[in-house]
Amino acid sequence: MSVHEKYMAACLKLATPGIRAAMPNPSVGAMIVHNQEIIGAGCTQPFGGNHAEVEAFNAISSSENLSDATLYVTLEPCSHHGNTPPCTDLIIQSGIKHVVIGSLDPNALVNGSGINRLKSSGINVEVGPMQAECELLNKRFYTFHQKKRPYIILKWAQTADGFIDKLRKNNEEGIHWITHPETKKITHQWRSEEAAIVIGTNTAINDNPNLTVRAASGTNPARIILDEDDKLPKNLSLFDGASRTIILSKKKLKSSKNYEVWNLNFDNFISEFNNALFTNEILSVIVEGGGQLLNSFLKQGVWDEARVLTGNTQFGAGLLAPKISSQPTSLEKFNDDQISYYIND
């Protein structure tokens, strides 16, 4: 590992825990190194707070000459006014003459302009140490700006014989559990890592889920529910006010204190859905069901990851689980369940 890679890896470690809190911004790590000593380090603060570069400069204990120091940062410094001033201005004013950047910022407001601003001020800029790792860190941010849609994670649980639910009779309601009770911890952890979670109308009515983070620590995702024809009873747990809740409907419904209503054209649902989340700066979403909704994303190939939990339970008959033609990129055993991970390259 080179010296640049050593410090960039440390920056990545700083940035990783803050991915969710920084949304819709990227999570960035920064370090200032002088004479092979780290004299300042920081990461992006929760949305609206300081950027990583500001935190790194604020951490310097003395007002020493920085002309011989090097700034390491996982993402190109911003050069525009947003919620905070441009980080490039701070870097230039600091007197630092060497900046090492992990990856370019895909945001059209930056995308090379930050580097150009630094170079035009006489700063030596290097780009690329651990570029793949830096881009992976902010895969949600990259997808959002490059594909103009959220990062989409498909997730479902299926029985050992390939079903996601039993056949329901006489308006039967309630969840038919498939996986081990302890597996809820990891699925709730996944929820805490993403900006939103979406389910269809039948899943909302039949399962009456909370879709909150209860078995893990972290922030609740925004709950998005499809309700094309205004069928959802308003006494569902989803409308308890515990977290931001959004109804997608083709009808002109009124929002309330416990939920928002977004009007959508369901004839071109996937495109309209992605446009709506992009417009509202929702960087990532877990598609949790049901089968019809999951299959609609699979059919169009509009997804980035899939996480399939297979339990020991058998239903014998019921609603068939979605199918992915490719092989999983990795497998994990969790309690009595198997988790298959897929990447849509």
Protein backbone atom coordinates (compact mmCIF):
# COMPACT_ATOMS: atom_id res chain seq x y z
CA MET A 1 0.00 0.00 0.00
CA SER A 2 1.39 3.39 -1.01
CA VAL A 3 1.53 6.41 1.29
CA HIS A 4 -1.40 8.00 -0.55
CA GLU A 5 -3.44 4.80 -0.23
CA LYS A 6 -2.64 4.58 3.47
CA TYR A 7 -4.12 7.99 4.23
CA MET A 8 -6.99 7.62 1.79
CA ALA A 9 -7.97 4.34 3.48
CA ALA A 10 -8.01 6.20 6.79
CA CYS A 11 -10.26 8.87 5.24
CA LEU A 12 -12.65 6.17 4.02
CA LYS A 13 -12.83 4.73 7.52
CA LEU A 14 -13.75 8.16 8.86
CA ALA A 15 -16.52 8.65 6.30
CA THR A 16 -18.21 5.25 6.40
CA PRO A 17 -20.31 5.64 9.59
CA GLY A 18 -21.86 8.91 8.38
CA ILE A 19 -23.38 7.79 5.08
CA ARG A 20 -27.02 7.87 6.22
CA ALA A 21 -26.80 11.05 8.30
CA ALA A 22 -25.17 13.00 5.46
CA MET A 23 -27.94 12.28 2.92
CA PRO A 24 -28.71 13.77 0.47
CA ASN A 25 -25.05 14.84 0.59
CA PRO A 26 -22.23 12.33 0.18
CA SER A 27 -20.27 11.20 3.21
CA VAL A 28 -16.66 12.34 2.91
CA GLY A 29 -13.51 11.81 4.95
CA ALA A 30 -10.61 14.27 5.03
CA MET A 31 -7.15 14.38 6.64
CA ILE A 32 -4.38 16.96 6.74
CA VAL A 33 -0.91 15.41 6.93
CA HIS A 34 2.29 17.31 7.75
CA ASN A 35 5.68 15.62 8.00
CA GLN A 36 3.93 12.22 7.94
CA GLU A 37 1.80 13.20 10.93
CA ILE A 38 -1.99 13.59 10.85
CA ILE A 39 -2.61 17.06 12.25
CA GLY A 40 -6.31 17.33 11.41
CA ALA A 41 -9.08 14.93 10.41
CA GLY A 42 -12.83 15.01 10.00
CA CYS A 43 -15.87 13.69 8.18
CA THR A 44 -19.09 15.12 6.79
CA GLN A 45 -21.48 16.14 9.55
CA PRO A 46 -25.22 15.39 9.41
CA PHE A 47 -26.99 17.20 6.56
CA GLY A 48 -26.71 20.96 6.91
CA GLY A 49 -23.54 20.73 9.00
CA ASN A 50 -19.87 21.12 8.15
CA HIS A 51 -18.22 19.32 5.27
CA ALA A 52 -15.29 17.02 5.97
CA GLU A 53 -12.65 19.54 4.90
CA VAL A 54 -13.97 22.13 7.36
CA GLU A 55 -13.92 19.57 10.18
CA ALA A 56 -10.33 18.61 9.31
CA PHE A 57 -9.11 22.21 9.37
CA ASN A 58 -11.01 22.91 12.60
CA ALA A 59 -9.23 19.95 14.21
CA ILE A 60 -5.76 21.48 13.72
CA SER A 61 -4.52 22.47 17.18
CA SER A 62 -1.98 25.11 16.13
CA SER A 63 -1.84 27.80 13.45
CA GLU A 64 1.22 26.33 11.74
CA ASN A 65 2.31 26.98 8.17
CA LEU A 66 0.44 24.50 5.97
CA SER A 67 2.34 25.10 2.72
CA ASP A 68 4.19 21.79 3.20
CA ALA A 69 1.08 19.86 4.30
CA THR A 70 -1.10 17.58 2.18
CA LEU A 71 -4.88 17.40 2.28
CA TYR A 72 -6.37 13.96 1.61
CA VAL A 73 -10.08 13.85 0.79
CA THR A 74 -12.25 11.00 -0.53
CA LEU A 75 -14.35 13.23 -2.83
CA GLU A 76 -13.59 16.31 -4.88
CA PRO A 77 -14.10 19.44 -2.74
CA CYS A 78 -17.20 21.47 -3.55
CA SER A 79 -16.78 24.76 -5.40
CA HIS A 80 -20.32 26.15 -5.13
CA HIS A 81 -22.45 27.80 -2.48
CA GLY A 82 -25.04 25.40 -1.00
CA ASN A 83 -25.95 25.11 2.66
CA THR A 84 -22.28 25.83 3.35
CA PRO A 85 -19.59 27.93 1.58
CA PRO A 86 -17.32 26.30 -1.05
CA CYS A 87 -14.66 24.06 0.49
CA THR A 88 -12.26 25.08 -2.28
CA ASP A 89 -12.18 28.63 -0.85
CA LEU A 90 -11.15 27.31 2.55
CA ILE A 91 -8.43 25.10 1.06
CA ILE A 92 -6.99 27.97 -0.98
CA GLN A 93 -7.02 30.33 2.00
CA SER A 94 -5.27 27.75 4.19
CA GLY A 95 -2.08 27.90 2.14
CA ILE A 96 -2.00 24.14 1.46
CA LYS A 97 -0.23 23.41 -1.83
CA HIS A 98 -0.92 19.68 -2.25
CA VAL A 99 -4.33 18.00 -2.37
CA VAL A 100 -4.96 14.28 -3.00
CA ILE A 101 -8.53 13.42 -4.05
CA GLY A 102 -10.02 9.93 -4.16
CA SER A 103 -12.79 10.49 -6.72
CA LEU A 104 -14.51 13.14 -8.79
CA ASP A 105 -17.84 14.56 -7.61
CA PRO A 106 -20.62 13.37 -10.00
CA ASN A 107 -22.82 16.33 -9.05
CA ALA A 108 -23.09 18.62 -12.09
CA LEU A 109 -22.60 21.62 -9.78
CA VAL A 110 -19.06 20.39 -9.05
CA ASN A 111 -17.81 17.62 -11.40
CA GLY A 112 -14.30 18.85 -12.06
CA SER A 113 -14.83 22.50 -11.22
CA GLY A 114 -13.49 22.00 -7.71
CA ILE A 115 -10.26 20.53 -9.05
CA ASN A 116 -9.93 23.27 -11.67
CA ARG A 117 -10.39 25.95 -9.02
CA LEU A 118 -7.65 24.45 -6.87
CA LYS A 119 -5.27 24.06 -9.81
CA SER A 120 -5.87 27.60 -11.02
CA SER A 121 -4.79 28.79 -7.55
CA GLY A 122 -1.44 27.01 -7.86
CA ILE A 123 -2.30 23.91 -5.85
CA ASN A 124 -0.89 20.55 -6.95
CA VAL A 125 -3.86 18.17 -7.26
CA GLU A 126 -3.65 14.40 -7.60
CA VAL A 127 -6.77 12.33 -8.33
CA GLY A 128 -7.34 8.63 -8.08
CA PRO A 129 -5.79 6.82 -5.10
CA MET A 130 -8.39 4.20 -4.12
CA GLN A 131 -10.86 5.66 -6.61
CA ALA A 132 -13.00 2.51 -6.81
CA GLU A 133 -13.29 2.33 -3.03
CA CYS A 134 -14.16 6.03 -2.79
CA GLU A 135 -16.89 5.68 -5.40
CA LEU A 136 -18.26 2.57 -3.69
CA LEU A 137 -18.48 4.45 -0.40
CA ASN A 138 -20.92 6.87 -2.02
CA LYS A 139 -22.60 4.47 -4.44
CA ARG A 140 -25.99 5.98 -3.59
CA PHE A 141 -24.78 9.51 -4.33
CA TYR A 142 -23.14 8.42 -7.60
CA THR A 143 -26.25 6.56 -8.79
CA PHE A 144 -28.47 9.50 -7.87
CA HIS A 145 -26.48 12.02 -9.89
CA GLN A 146 -25.38 9.82 -12.78
CA LYS A 147 -28.65 7.94 -13.37
CA LYS A 148 -31.03 10.62 -12.03
CA ARG A 149 -32.77 8.14 -9.73
CA PRO A 150 -32.36 6.67 -6.26
CA TYR A 151 -30.13 3.71 -5.49
CA ILE A 152 -32.61 0.80 -5.50
CA ILE A 153 -32.32 -2.24 -3.23
CA LEU A 154 -34.80 -5.07 -3.72
CA LYS A 155 -35.44 -7.12 -0.60
CA TRP A 156 -37.72 -10.05 0.16
CA ALA A 157 -38.00 -13.14 2.32
CA GLN A 158 -38.92 -16.47 0.78
CA THR A 159 -39.62 -19.94 2.11
CA ALA A 160 -37.41 -22.93 1.40
CA ASP A 161 -39.96 -23.98 -1.23
CA GLY A 162 -39.99 -20.58 -2.95
CA PHE A 163 -43.01 -18.60 -1.66
CA ILE A 164 -43.24 -15.09 -0.21
CA ASP A 165 -46.71 -15.47 1.30
CA LYS A 166 -49.50 -17.95 1.83
CA LEU A 167 -52.68 -17.80 -0.19
CA ARG A 168 -54.97 -15.58 1.87
CA LYS A 169 -58.66 -16.33 2.29
CA ASN A 170 -61.59 -14.21 3.50
CA ASN A 171 -59.54 -11.00 3.72
CA GLU A 172 -57.08 -12.64 6.10
CA GLU A 173 -54.60 -10.15 7.55
CA GLY A 174 -51.35 -10.44 9.49
CA ILE A 175 -47.76 -11.33 8.70
CA HIS A 176 -46.84 -14.91 7.82
CA TRP A 177 -43.31 -15.02 9.21
CA ILE A 178 -40.73 -16.82 7.11
CA THR A 179 -37.36 -16.08 8.69
CA HIS A 180 -35.93 -16.53 12.19
CA PRO A 181 -37.11 -13.84 14.66
CA GLU A 182 -33.51 -12.70 15.25
CA THR A 183 -33.08 -12.00 11.53
CA LYS A 184 -35.22 -8.92 12.08
CA LYS A 185 -32.12 -7.27 13.55
CA ILE A 186 -30.27 -7.27 10.25
CA THR A 187 -33.30 -6.23 8.17
CA HIS A 188 -33.95 -3.32 10.53
CA GLN A 189 -30.28 -2.38 10.29
CA TRP A 190 -30.69 -2.26 6.51
CA ARG A 191 -33.65 0.08 6.93
CA SER A 192 -31.58 2.44 9.05
CA GLU A 193 -29.01 2.73 6.26
CA GLU A 194 -31.38 3.90 3.51
CA ALA A 195 -33.39 7.06 2.91
CA ALA A 196 -36.72 5.34 2.16
CA ILE A 197 -38.60 2.05 2.00
CA VAL A 198 -41.53 1.29 -0.31
CA ILE A 199 -44.32 -1.31 -0.30
CA GLY A 200 -47.43 -1.95 -2.35
CA THR A 201 -51.08 -1.60 -1.36
CA ASN A 202 -51.76 -5.28 -0.64
CA THR A 203 -48.65 -5.63 1.51
CA ALA A 204 -49.68 -2.58 3.53
CA ILE A 205 -53.19 -3.94 4.12
CA ASN A 206 -52.35 -7.62 4.63
CA ASP A 207 -49.23 -7.24 6.78
CA ASN A 208 -49.95 -3.86 8.42
CA PRO A 209 -46.21 -3.29 8.98
CA ASN A 210 -44.56 -0.41 10.84
CA LEU A 211 -41.53 -0.19 8.50
CA THR A 212 -39.52 1.50 11.25
CA VAL A 213 -36.18 0.71 12.89
CA ARG A 214 -37.00 -1.04 16.15
CA ALA A 215 -34.67 -4.05 16.35
CA ALA A 216 -31.58 -1.96 15.56
CA SER A 217 -30.30 1.54 16.20
CA GLY A 218 -30.51 4.30 13.64
CA THR A 219 -32.86 6.59 11.75
CA ASN A 220 -36.24 5.48 10.42
CA PRO A 221 -36.47 5.59 6.63
CA ALA A 222 -39.24 7.53 4.94
CA ARG A 223 -42.17 5.12 4.39
CA ILE A 224 -43.58 5.13 0.87
CA ILE A 225 -46.82 3.28 0.16
CA LEU A 226 -48.50 2.71 -3.19
CA ASP A 227 -52.22 3.50 -3.04
CA GLU A 228 -53.27 4.01 -6.63
CA ASP A 229 -57.02 4.02 -5.94
CA ASP A 230 -57.28 5.22 -2.31
CA LYS A 231 -57.83 1.78 -0.75
CA LEU A 232 -55.67 2.13 2.37
CA PRO A 233 -57.48 2.35 5.73
CA LYS A 234 -56.08 5.29 7.65
CA ASN A 235 -55.86 3.27 10.89
CA LEU A 236 -52.87 1.28 9.60
CA SER A 237 -49.66 1.36 11.64
CA LEU A 238 -48.01 3.16 8.72
CA PHE A 239 -49.98 6.29 9.60
CA ASP A 240 -48.87 6.48 13.25
CA GLY A 241 -46.63 9.50 12.67
CA ALA A 242 -43.50 7.62 13.77
CA SER A 243 -41.63 8.63 10.62
CA ARG A 244 -42.14 10.51 7.40
CA THR A 245 -44.83 8.73 5.39
CA ILE A 246 -45.66 9.27 1.71
CA ILE A 247 -48.66 7.92 -0.19
CA LEU A 248 -48.30 7.55 -3.95
CA SER A 249 -51.71 7.85 -5.61
CA LYS A 250 -53.26 8.76 -8.93
CA LYS A 251 -56.13 10.39 -7.06
CA LYS A 252 -56.08 13.98 -5.81
CA LEU A 253 -55.92 13.16 -2.11
CA LYS A 254 -55.17 15.60 0.68
CA SER A 255 -52.10 15.28 2.86
CA SER A 256 -52.48 15.14 6.64
CA LYS A 257 -50.18 15.69 9.62
CA ASN A 258 -49.15 12.01 9.49
CA TYR A 259 -48.63 11.55 5.76
CA GLU A 260 -47.91 13.33 2.48
CA VAL A 261 -49.62 12.54 -0.80
CA TRP A 262 -47.70 12.57 -4.07
CA ASN A 263 -49.69 12.26 -7.29
CA LEU A 264 -48.22 9.80 -9.75
CA ASN A 265 -48.97 8.47 -13.22
CA PHE A 266 -49.13 4.71 -12.68
CA ASP A 267 -49.14 3.95 -16.43
CA ASN A 268 -45.37 4.44 -16.47
CA PHE A 269 -44.83 3.67 -12.81
CA ILE A 270 -41.10 2.89 -12.55
CA SER A 271 -40.08 6.02 -14.43
CA GLU A 272 -42.56 8.21 -12.53
CA PHE A 273 -41.48 6.70 -9.20
CA ASN A 274 -37.81 7.34 -9.88
CA ASN A 275 -38.49 10.89 -11.06
CA ALA A 276 -40.50 11.64 -7.92
CA LEU A 277 -37.77 10.39 -5.59
CA PHE A 278 -35.07 12.18 -7.58
CA THR A 279 -36.98 15.47 -7.47
CA ASN A 280 -37.39 15.12 -3.71
CA GLU A 281 -33.71 14.23 -3.18
CA ILE A 282 -34.31 10.73 -1.81
CA LEU A 283 -30.99 9.04 -2.52
CA SER A 284 -31.88 5.42 -1.83
CA VAL A 285 -34.86 3.14 -1.36
CA ILE A 286 -35.53 -0.43 -0.27
CA VAL A 287 -38.30 -2.10 -2.28
CA GLU A 288 -39.73 -4.56 0.22
CA GLY A 289 -42.77 -5.94 -1.54
CA GLY A 290 -45.03 -7.34 -2.50
CA GLY A 291 -44.29 -9.62 -5.41
CA GLN A 292 -45.94 -7.49 -8.07
CA LEU A 293 -43.94 -4.42 -7.10
CA LEU A 294 -40.66 -6.33 -6.88
CA ASN A 295 -41.24 -8.00 -10.24
CA SER A 296 -41.95 -4.66 -11.91
CA PHE A 297 -38.45 -3.45 -11.00
CA LEU A 298 -36.87 -6.78 -11.97
CA LYS A 299 -38.69 -6.87 -15.32
CA GLN A 300 -37.35 -3.46 -16.32
CA GLY A 301 -33.90 -4.15 -14.88
CA VAL A 302 -34.09 -0.98 -12.80
CA TRP A 303 -32.36 -1.98 -9.57
CA ASP A 304 -28.88 -1.95 -8.08
CA GLU A 305 -28.86 -4.61 -5.36
CA ALA A 306 -31.09 -7.44 -4.23
CA ARG A 307 -31.05 -9.11 -0.83
CA VAL A 308 -33.01 -12.35 -0.64
CA LEU A 309 -33.59 -14.04 2.71
CA THR A 310 -34.47 -17.73 2.54
CA GLY A 311 -35.89 -19.34 5.68
CA ASN A 312 -36.41 -22.95 6.68
CA THR A 313 -40.19 -22.52 6.59
CA GLN A 314 -42.27 -24.24 3.89
CA PHE A 315 -45.74 -23.10 2.81
CA GLY A 316 -46.43 -25.81 0.22
CA ALA A 317 -48.41 -23.30 -1.84
CA GLY A 318 -48.82 -19.56 -2.03
CA LEU A 319 -47.46 -16.51 -3.83
CA LEU A 320 -44.31 -17.38 -5.75
CA ALA A 321 -41.15 -15.46 -4.91
CA PRO A 322 -39.54 -13.29 -7.62
CA LYS A 323 -36.71 -14.85 -9.59
CA ILE A 324 -33.29 -13.42 -10.44
CA SER A 325 -31.57 -15.15 -13.36
CA SER A 326 -28.01 -14.35 -12.29
CA GLN A 327 -26.06 -16.01 -9.51
CA PRO A 328 -25.66 -14.25 -6.16
CA THR A 329 -22.41 -12.34 -5.68
CA SER A 330 -22.21 -13.58 -2.09
CA LEU A 331 -24.03 -15.69 0.48
CA GLU A 332 -24.37 -15.21 4.22
CA LYS A 333 -25.74 -17.46 6.93
CA PHE A 334 -27.69 -15.60 9.59
CA ASN A 335 -29.27 -17.72 12.32
CA ASP A 336 -31.19 -20.43 10.42
CA ASP A 337 -31.60 -18.27 7.33
CA GLN A 338 -29.53 -17.78 4.22
CA ILE A 339 -29.09 -14.31 2.71
CA SER A 340 -28.26 -14.13 -0.99
CA TYR A 341 -26.78 -10.84 -2.23
CA TYR A 342 -27.04 -9.76 -5.86
CA ILE A 343 -25.50 -6.83 -7.74
CA ASN A 344 -27.10 -5.60 -10.98
CA ASP A 345 -24.03 -4.67 -13.04
